[in-house]
Amino acid sequence: MLNTILVALDGSEIAERVIQTLGYLVLSPNTNVILCHVFPAPESEIELPADRPQPDLPNFSYFNIDKQMQSYQERLSVKSELELVMGDPADEIIRLANIYKADLVVIGSRGLTGMNRIVQGSVSTQVMEAANCSVLVVKPARN
């Protein structure tokens, strides 16, 4: 039984697909869903390797993300909580999954391949490898 599900949303177009996929799961009325968003740490607080491109920071403000997360929360048929945190996305998702003792993490994949995946890294892969629970990776729709 899935008692606790952590759903990682990043404000991109894949977030909507993640929420749709969550809706396909048969959940107990007692299931608790934690919707989380990780804001990247300001550049002054993280060390960026000189040989890698600067990360693309989203143009969303905290207010916009909070509002979007609340709209996702309203669509759920089970109890839920919001977690808006700052830090490294993979580390924070894993930390929250451990804090809440999640039975499942649901996360989107941007579908990066080749050099883009190597250079930019994959948060979903990092979470799959380090999480203490199952991880459901939602891929982008194929055209």
N, C-alpha and C. Protein backbone atom coordinates (compact mmCIF):
# COMPACT_ATOMS: atom_id res chain seq x y z
N MET A 1 0.84 -1.18 0.00
CA MET A 1 0.00 0.00 0.00
C MET A 1 0.89 1.24 0.00
N LEU A 2 0.47 2.22 -0.76
CA LEU A 2 1.21 3.48 -0.81
C LEU A 2 0.62 4.44 0.22
N ASN A 3 1.33 4.61 1.32
CA ASN A 3 0.87 5.53 2.36
C ASN A 3 1.29 6.97 2.08
N THR A 4 2.50 7.12 1.56
CA THR A 4 3.05 8.45 1.31
C THR A 4 3.72 8.48 -0.06
N ILE A 5 3.33 9.46 -0.87
CA ILE A 5 3.92 9.64 -2.19
C ILE A 5 4.49 11.04 -2.26
N LEU A 6 5.76 11.14 -2.63
CA LEU A 6 6.40 12.43 -2.85
C LEU A 6 6.38 12.69 -4.35
N VAL A 7 5.81 13.81 -4.74
CA VAL A 7 5.72 14.17 -6.16
C VAL A 7 6.59 15.40 -6.39
N ALA A 8 7.64 15.22 -7.19
CA ALA A 8 8.58 16.31 -7.47
C ALA A 8 8.16 17.02 -8.75
N LEU A 9 7.92 18.31 -8.63
CA LEU A 9 7.48 19.12 -9.77
C LEU A 9 8.46 20.27 -9.96
N ASP A 10 8.79 20.56 -11.22
CA ASP A 10 9.81 21.57 -11.46
C ASP A 10 9.33 22.81 -12.19
N GLY A 11 8.04 22.95 -12.41
CA GLY A 11 7.54 24.14 -13.08
C GLY A 11 7.61 24.07 -14.59
N SER A 12 8.10 22.97 -15.14
CA SER A 12 8.18 22.83 -16.60
C SER A 12 6.92 22.17 -17.14
N GLU A 13 6.88 22.00 -18.45
CA GLU A 13 5.71 21.39 -19.07
C GLU A 13 5.51 19.93 -18.65
N ILE A 14 6.55 19.26 -18.18
CA ILE A 14 6.42 17.87 -17.75
C ILE A 14 5.62 17.77 -16.44
N ALA A 15 5.54 18.85 -15.68
CA ALA A 15 4.82 18.83 -14.40
C ALA A 15 3.36 18.44 -14.59
N GLU A 16 2.73 18.96 -15.63
CA GLU A 16 1.33 18.63 -15.91
C GLU A 16 1.18 17.14 -16.18
N ARG A 17 2.12 16.58 -16.91
CA ARG A 17 2.08 15.14 -17.21
C ARG A 17 2.30 14.31 -15.94
N VAL A 18 3.13 14.79 -15.05
CA VAL A 18 3.36 14.10 -13.77
C VAL A 18 2.06 14.06 -12.97
N ILE A 19 1.35 15.19 -12.91
CA ILE A 19 0.08 15.24 -12.17
C ILE A 19 -0.95 14.33 -12.83
N GLN A 20 -1.00 14.30 -14.15
CA GLN A 20 -1.93 13.40 -14.85
C GLN A 20 -1.62 11.95 -14.51
N THR A 21 -0.34 11.60 -14.52
CA THR A 21 0.07 10.23 -14.20
C THR A 21 -0.31 9.86 -12.78
N LEU A 22 -0.14 10.79 -11.86
CA LEU A 22 -0.54 10.56 -10.47
C LEU A 22 -2.03 10.24 -10.40
N GLY A 23 -2.83 10.90 -11.23
CA GLY A 23 -4.27 10.66 -11.27
C GLY A 23 -4.63 9.26 -11.76
N TYR A 24 -3.74 8.61 -12.50
CA TYR A 24 -3.99 7.25 -12.99
C TYR A 24 -3.78 6.19 -11.91
N LEU A 25 -3.07 6.55 -10.84
CA LEU A 25 -2.80 5.60 -9.77
C LEU A 25 -4.05 5.43 -8.90
N VAL A 26 -4.30 4.22 -8.48
CA VAL A 26 -5.41 3.96 -7.56
C VAL A 26 -4.85 4.14 -6.15
N LEU A 27 -5.31 5.19 -5.49
CA LEU A 27 -4.78 5.53 -4.18
C LEU A 27 -5.82 5.31 -3.10
N SER A 28 -5.35 4.88 -1.96
CA SER A 28 -6.20 4.74 -0.79
C SER A 28 -6.59 6.13 -0.30
N PRO A 29 -7.78 6.26 0.28
CA PRO A 29 -8.16 7.56 0.86
C PRO A 29 -7.18 8.03 1.94
N ASN A 30 -6.41 7.10 2.50
CA ASN A 30 -5.45 7.44 3.55
C ASN A 30 -4.08 7.85 3.01
N THR A 31 -3.91 7.78 1.70
CA THR A 31 -2.63 8.15 1.11
C THR A 31 -2.39 9.65 1.28
N ASN A 32 -1.17 10.00 1.64
CA ASN A 32 -0.77 11.39 1.75
C ASN A 32 0.20 11.70 0.61
N VAL A 33 -0.10 12.75 -0.15
CA VAL A 33 0.75 13.16 -1.26
C VAL A 33 1.46 14.45 -0.88
N ILE A 34 2.77 14.44 -1.04
CA ILE A 34 3.56 15.64 -0.80
C ILE A 34 4.01 16.15 -2.15
N LEU A 35 3.53 17.33 -2.52
CA LEU A 35 3.96 17.97 -3.76
C LEU A 35 5.15 18.85 -3.42
N CYS A 36 6.27 18.63 -4.09
CA CYS A 36 7.46 19.42 -3.76
C CYS A 36 8.03 20.11 -5.00
N HIS A 37 8.61 21.25 -4.75
CA HIS A 37 9.33 22.00 -5.77
C HIS A 37 10.64 22.45 -5.14
N VAL A 38 11.74 22.25 -5.87
CA VAL A 38 13.05 22.67 -5.37
C VAL A 38 13.54 23.85 -6.19
N PHE A 39 13.73 24.97 -5.51
CA PHE A 39 14.33 26.14 -6.15
C PHE A 39 15.84 25.96 -6.12
N PRO A 40 16.52 26.15 -7.24
CA PRO A 40 17.98 26.04 -7.22
C PRO A 40 18.57 27.09 -6.28
N ALA A 41 19.63 26.71 -5.60
CA ALA A 41 20.31 27.65 -4.71
C ALA A 41 20.90 28.78 -5.55
N PRO A 42 20.90 30.02 -5.03
CA PRO A 42 21.53 31.12 -5.77
C PRO A 42 22.98 30.77 -6.08
N GLU A 43 23.45 31.27 -7.21
CA GLU A 43 24.81 30.94 -7.65
C GLU A 43 25.86 31.23 -6.59
N SER A 44 25.62 32.23 -5.77
CA SER A 44 26.59 32.59 -4.74
C SER A 44 26.69 31.51 -3.66
N GLU A 45 25.67 30.63 -3.58
CA GLU A 45 25.67 29.61 -2.53
C GLU A 45 26.09 28.23 -3.01
N ILE A 46 26.31 28.09 -4.33
CA ILE A 46 26.72 26.79 -4.83
C ILE A 46 28.00 26.94 -5.63
N GLU A 47 28.77 25.87 -5.68
CA GLU A 47 29.98 25.88 -6.48
C GLU A 47 29.64 25.31 -7.84
N LEU A 48 29.93 26.08 -8.89
CA LEU A 48 29.67 25.63 -10.25
C LEU A 48 31.00 25.28 -10.91
N PRO A 49 31.09 24.07 -11.47
CA PRO A 49 32.33 23.70 -12.16
C PRO A 49 32.57 24.63 -13.35
N ALA A 50 33.81 25.03 -13.55
CA ALA A 50 34.15 25.96 -14.63
C ALA A 50 33.96 25.33 -16.00
N ASP A 51 34.01 24.01 -16.09
CA ASP A 51 33.91 23.35 -17.39
C ASP A 51 32.49 22.95 -17.76
N ARG A 52 31.51 23.39 -17.01
CA ARG A 52 30.10 23.08 -17.31
C ARG A 52 29.33 24.36 -17.54
N PRO A 53 28.29 24.27 -18.38
CA PRO A 53 27.47 25.48 -18.60
C PRO A 53 26.71 25.86 -17.34
N GLN A 54 26.39 27.14 -17.23
CA GLN A 54 25.60 27.61 -16.10
C GLN A 54 24.21 27.02 -16.20
N PRO A 55 23.60 26.61 -15.08
CA PRO A 55 22.25 26.06 -15.16
C PRO A 55 21.26 27.12 -15.59
N ASP A 56 20.25 26.69 -16.32
CA ASP A 56 19.17 27.59 -16.70
C ASP A 56 18.23 27.70 -15.52
N LEU A 57 18.16 28.85 -14.94
CA LEU A 57 17.27 29.05 -13.80
C LEU A 57 15.90 29.46 -14.31
N PRO A 58 14.85 28.86 -13.78
CA PRO A 58 13.51 29.21 -14.26
C PRO A 58 13.17 30.66 -13.96
N ASN A 59 12.32 31.22 -14.80
CA ASN A 59 11.90 32.61 -14.63
C ASN A 59 10.66 32.71 -13.75
N PHE A 60 10.40 31.71 -12.95
CA PHE A 60 9.23 31.72 -12.10
C PHE A 60 9.60 32.29 -10.73
N SER A 61 8.73 33.10 -10.20
CA SER A 61 8.94 33.59 -8.85
C SER A 61 8.36 32.59 -7.86
N TYR A 62 8.72 32.75 -6.62
CA TYR A 62 8.19 31.89 -5.57
C TYR A 62 6.67 31.93 -5.57
N PHE A 63 6.11 33.13 -5.72
CA PHE A 63 4.66 33.29 -5.70
C PHE A 63 4.00 32.49 -6.82
N ASN A 64 4.55 32.56 -8.03
CA ASN A 64 3.97 31.83 -9.16
C ASN A 64 4.03 30.33 -8.95
N ILE A 65 5.15 29.85 -8.45
CA ILE A 65 5.29 28.41 -8.20
C ILE A 65 4.32 27.98 -7.11
N ASP A 66 4.24 28.75 -6.03
CA ASP A 66 3.33 28.42 -4.94
C ASP A 66 1.89 28.34 -5.45
N LYS A 67 1.50 29.29 -6.26
CA LYS A 67 0.15 29.32 -6.81
C LYS A 67 -0.10 28.10 -7.70
N GLN A 68 0.89 27.75 -8.54
CA GLN A 68 0.76 26.58 -9.42
C GLN A 68 0.65 25.30 -8.59
N MET A 69 1.46 25.20 -7.56
CA MET A 69 1.44 24.01 -6.71
C MET A 69 0.08 23.87 -6.00
N GLN A 70 -0.48 24.99 -5.56
CA GLN A 70 -1.79 24.96 -4.93
C GLN A 70 -2.86 24.50 -5.92
N SER A 71 -2.74 24.90 -7.18
CA SER A 71 -3.73 24.45 -8.18
C SER A 71 -3.61 22.95 -8.41
N TYR A 72 -2.40 22.41 -8.40
CA TYR A 72 -2.23 20.96 -8.50
C TYR A 72 -2.83 20.28 -7.27
N GLN A 73 -2.59 20.86 -6.12
CA GLN A 73 -3.08 20.30 -4.86
C GLN A 73 -4.60 20.20 -4.86
N GLU A 74 -5.27 21.21 -5.40
CA GLU A 74 -6.73 21.22 -5.45
C GLU A 74 -7.30 20.11 -6.34
N ARG A 75 -6.51 19.63 -7.28
CA ARG A 75 -6.97 18.58 -8.19
C ARG A 75 -6.86 17.18 -7.60
N LEU A 76 -6.19 17.05 -6.47
CA LEU A 76 -5.98 15.73 -5.88
C LEU A 76 -7.19 15.29 -5.07
N SER A 77 -7.44 13.98 -5.10
CA SER A 77 -8.58 13.44 -4.35
C SER A 77 -8.17 12.91 -2.98
N VAL A 78 -6.89 13.05 -2.64
CA VAL A 78 -6.39 12.59 -1.34
C VAL A 78 -5.75 13.78 -0.62
N LYS A 79 -5.48 13.59 0.68
CA LYS A 79 -4.86 14.69 1.43
C LYS A 79 -3.45 14.93 0.90
N SER A 80 -3.04 16.19 0.99
CA SER A 80 -1.74 16.53 0.43
C SER A 80 -1.11 17.69 1.19
N GLU A 81 0.19 17.84 0.97
CA GLU A 81 0.96 18.92 1.57
C GLU A 81 1.86 19.50 0.50
N LEU A 82 2.30 20.73 0.71
CA LEU A 82 3.24 21.38 -0.20
C LEU A 82 4.58 21.55 0.50
N GLU A 83 5.65 21.32 -0.25
CA GLU A 83 7.00 21.56 0.25
C GLU A 83 7.73 22.36 -0.82
N LEU A 84 8.08 23.59 -0.51
CA LEU A 84 8.87 24.43 -1.39
C LEU A 84 10.21 24.64 -0.70
N VAL A 85 11.27 24.11 -1.29
CA VAL A 85 12.57 24.15 -0.64
C VAL A 85 13.62 24.68 -1.62
N MET A 86 14.79 24.98 -1.11
CA MET A 86 15.89 25.48 -1.93
C MET A 86 17.09 24.57 -1.76
N GLY A 87 17.79 24.30 -2.86
CA GLY A 87 19.01 23.50 -2.80
C GLY A 87 19.21 22.73 -4.09
N ASP A 88 20.01 21.70 -4.00
CA ASP A 88 20.24 20.83 -5.15
C ASP A 88 18.99 19.96 -5.34
N PRO A 89 18.38 19.96 -6.53
CA PRO A 89 17.12 19.24 -6.71
C PRO A 89 17.16 17.77 -6.29
N ALA A 90 18.13 17.01 -6.77
CA ALA A 90 18.17 15.58 -6.43
C ALA A 90 18.35 15.38 -4.93
N ASP A 91 19.27 16.12 -4.34
CA ASP A 91 19.53 15.99 -2.89
C ASP A 91 18.28 16.32 -2.07
N GLU A 92 17.60 17.40 -2.45
CA GLU A 92 16.42 17.82 -1.69
C GLU A 92 15.26 16.85 -1.85
N ILE A 93 15.07 16.32 -3.05
CA ILE A 93 14.00 15.34 -3.27
C ILE A 93 14.26 14.10 -2.43
N ILE A 94 15.49 13.63 -2.42
CA ILE A 94 15.84 12.45 -1.62
C ILE A 94 15.68 12.75 -0.13
N ARG A 95 16.10 13.94 0.29
CA ARG A 95 15.97 14.32 1.70
C ARG A 95 14.50 14.33 2.12
N LEU A 96 13.64 14.93 1.29
CA LEU A 96 12.21 14.97 1.62
C LEU A 96 11.60 13.57 1.62
N ALA A 97 12.00 12.74 0.68
CA ALA A 97 11.50 11.36 0.64
C ALA A 97 11.87 10.63 1.93
N ASN A 98 13.06 10.87 2.44
CA ASN A 98 13.49 10.23 3.69
C ASN A 98 12.74 10.81 4.89
N ILE A 99 12.57 12.12 4.92
CA ILE A 99 11.86 12.76 6.04
C ILE A 99 10.43 12.23 6.14
N TYR A 100 9.74 12.16 5.01
CA TYR A 100 8.35 11.73 4.99
C TYR A 100 8.19 10.21 4.92
N LYS A 101 9.32 9.50 4.84
CA LYS A 101 9.30 8.04 4.71
C LYS A 101 8.40 7.62 3.54
N ALA A 102 8.66 8.26 2.39
CA ALA A 102 7.85 8.03 1.20
C ALA A 102 7.95 6.57 0.73
N ASP A 103 6.82 6.06 0.28
CA ASP A 103 6.77 4.73 -0.33
C ASP A 103 7.05 4.80 -1.82
N LEU A 104 6.86 6.00 -2.39
CA LEU A 104 7.04 6.20 -3.82
C LEU A 104 7.39 7.66 -4.08
N VAL A 105 8.33 7.87 -5.01
CA VAL A 105 8.62 9.21 -5.52
C VAL A 105 8.17 9.23 -6.97
N VAL A 106 7.41 10.24 -7.35
CA VAL A 106 7.01 10.43 -8.74
C VAL A 106 7.71 11.67 -9.24
N ILE A 107 8.44 11.53 -10.35
CA ILE A 107 9.27 12.61 -10.86
C ILE A 107 9.23 12.60 -12.38
N GLY A 108 9.34 13.76 -12.97
CA GLY A 108 9.37 13.87 -14.42
C GLY A 108 10.78 13.78 -14.95
N SER A 109 10.88 13.40 -16.21
CA SER A 109 12.16 13.36 -16.90
C SER A 109 12.07 14.33 -18.07
N ARG A 110 13.10 15.13 -18.24
CA ARG A 110 13.10 16.09 -19.35
C ARG A 110 13.40 15.42 -20.68
N GLY A 111 13.81 14.17 -20.66
CA GLY A 111 14.09 13.46 -21.90
C GLY A 111 15.41 13.83 -22.53
N LEU A 112 16.37 14.27 -21.73
CA LEU A 112 17.68 14.62 -22.27
C LEU A 112 18.38 13.37 -22.77
N THR A 113 19.12 13.52 -23.85
CA THR A 113 19.89 12.40 -24.38
C THR A 113 21.29 12.89 -24.74
N GLY A 114 22.16 11.95 -24.98
CA GLY A 114 23.51 12.25 -25.45
C GLY A 114 24.28 13.18 -24.54
N MET A 115 24.96 14.13 -25.17
CA MET A 115 25.82 15.05 -24.43
C MET A 115 25.03 15.94 -23.47
N ASN A 116 23.80 16.32 -23.85
CA ASN A 116 23.00 17.14 -22.93
C ASN A 116 22.79 16.42 -21.61
N ARG A 117 22.53 15.13 -21.67
CA ARG A 117 22.31 14.35 -20.44
C ARG A 117 23.60 14.25 -19.63
N ILE A 118 24.72 14.08 -20.33
CA ILE A 118 26.01 13.96 -19.65
C ILE A 118 26.39 15.28 -19.00
N VAL A 119 26.26 16.38 -19.74
CA VAL A 119 26.69 17.69 -19.25
C VAL A 119 25.74 18.23 -18.19
N GLN A 120 24.43 18.18 -18.45
CA GLN A 120 23.47 18.78 -17.53
C GLN A 120 23.08 17.84 -16.40
N GLY A 121 23.29 16.56 -16.59
CA GLY A 121 22.92 15.60 -15.56
C GLY A 121 21.43 15.31 -15.57
N SER A 122 21.04 14.31 -14.86
CA SER A 122 19.64 13.91 -14.81
C SER A 122 19.22 13.78 -13.36
N VAL A 123 18.34 14.67 -12.94
CA VAL A 123 17.85 14.62 -11.57
C VAL A 123 17.10 13.31 -11.34
N SER A 124 16.28 12.90 -12.31
CA SER A 124 15.50 11.67 -12.12
C SER A 124 16.42 10.46 -11.95
N THR A 125 17.52 10.40 -12.70
CA THR A 125 18.46 9.28 -12.55
C THR A 125 19.12 9.31 -11.18
N GLN A 126 19.52 10.50 -10.74
CA GLN A 126 20.14 10.61 -9.41
C GLN A 126 19.17 10.17 -8.32
N VAL A 127 17.91 10.56 -8.45
CA VAL A 127 16.91 10.18 -7.45
C VAL A 127 16.68 8.67 -7.49
N MET A 128 16.57 8.09 -8.68
CA MET A 128 16.36 6.64 -8.79
C MET A 128 17.48 5.88 -8.11
N GLU A 129 18.70 6.34 -8.30
CA GLU A 129 19.85 5.62 -7.76
C GLU A 129 19.99 5.76 -6.25
N ALA A 130 19.57 6.89 -5.70
CA ALA A 130 19.82 7.15 -4.27
C ALA A 130 18.61 7.00 -3.36
N ALA A 131 17.41 6.98 -3.92
CA ALA A 131 16.21 6.92 -3.07
C ALA A 131 16.09 5.57 -2.37
N ASN A 132 15.51 5.61 -1.18
CA ASN A 132 15.28 4.39 -0.40
C ASN A 132 13.92 3.77 -0.69
N CYS A 133 13.24 4.27 -1.72
CA CYS A 133 11.92 3.76 -2.08
C CYS A 133 11.84 3.64 -3.60
N SER A 134 10.72 3.17 -4.08
CA SER A 134 10.51 3.08 -5.52
C SER A 134 10.37 4.47 -6.11
N VAL A 135 10.74 4.59 -7.38
CA VAL A 135 10.67 5.86 -8.09
C VAL A 135 9.96 5.63 -9.42
N LEU A 136 8.92 6.42 -9.68
CA LEU A 136 8.21 6.38 -10.93
C LEU A 136 8.64 7.60 -11.74
N VAL A 137 9.29 7.35 -12.88
CA VAL A 137 9.76 8.44 -13.74
C VAL A 137 8.76 8.62 -14.88
N VAL A 138 8.23 9.82 -14.99
CA VAL A 138 7.26 10.14 -16.04
C VAL A 138 8.01 10.82 -17.18
N LYS A 139 7.93 10.20 -18.35
CA LYS A 139 8.64 10.72 -19.51
C LYS A 139 7.76 11.69 -20.28
N PRO A 140 8.38 12.58 -21.07
CA PRO A 140 7.58 13.50 -21.89
C PRO A 140 6.79 12.71 -22.94
N ALA A 141 5.71 13.28 -23.40
CA ALA A 141 4.89 12.63 -24.43
C ALA A 141 5.70 12.57 -25.72
N ARG A 142 5.56 11.47 -26.42
CA ARG A 142 6.23 11.33 -27.72
C ARG A 142 5.38 11.95 -28.78
N ASN A 143 6.01 12.65 -29.68
CA ASN A 143 5.26 13.31 -30.76
C ASN A 143 5.05 12.38 -31.93
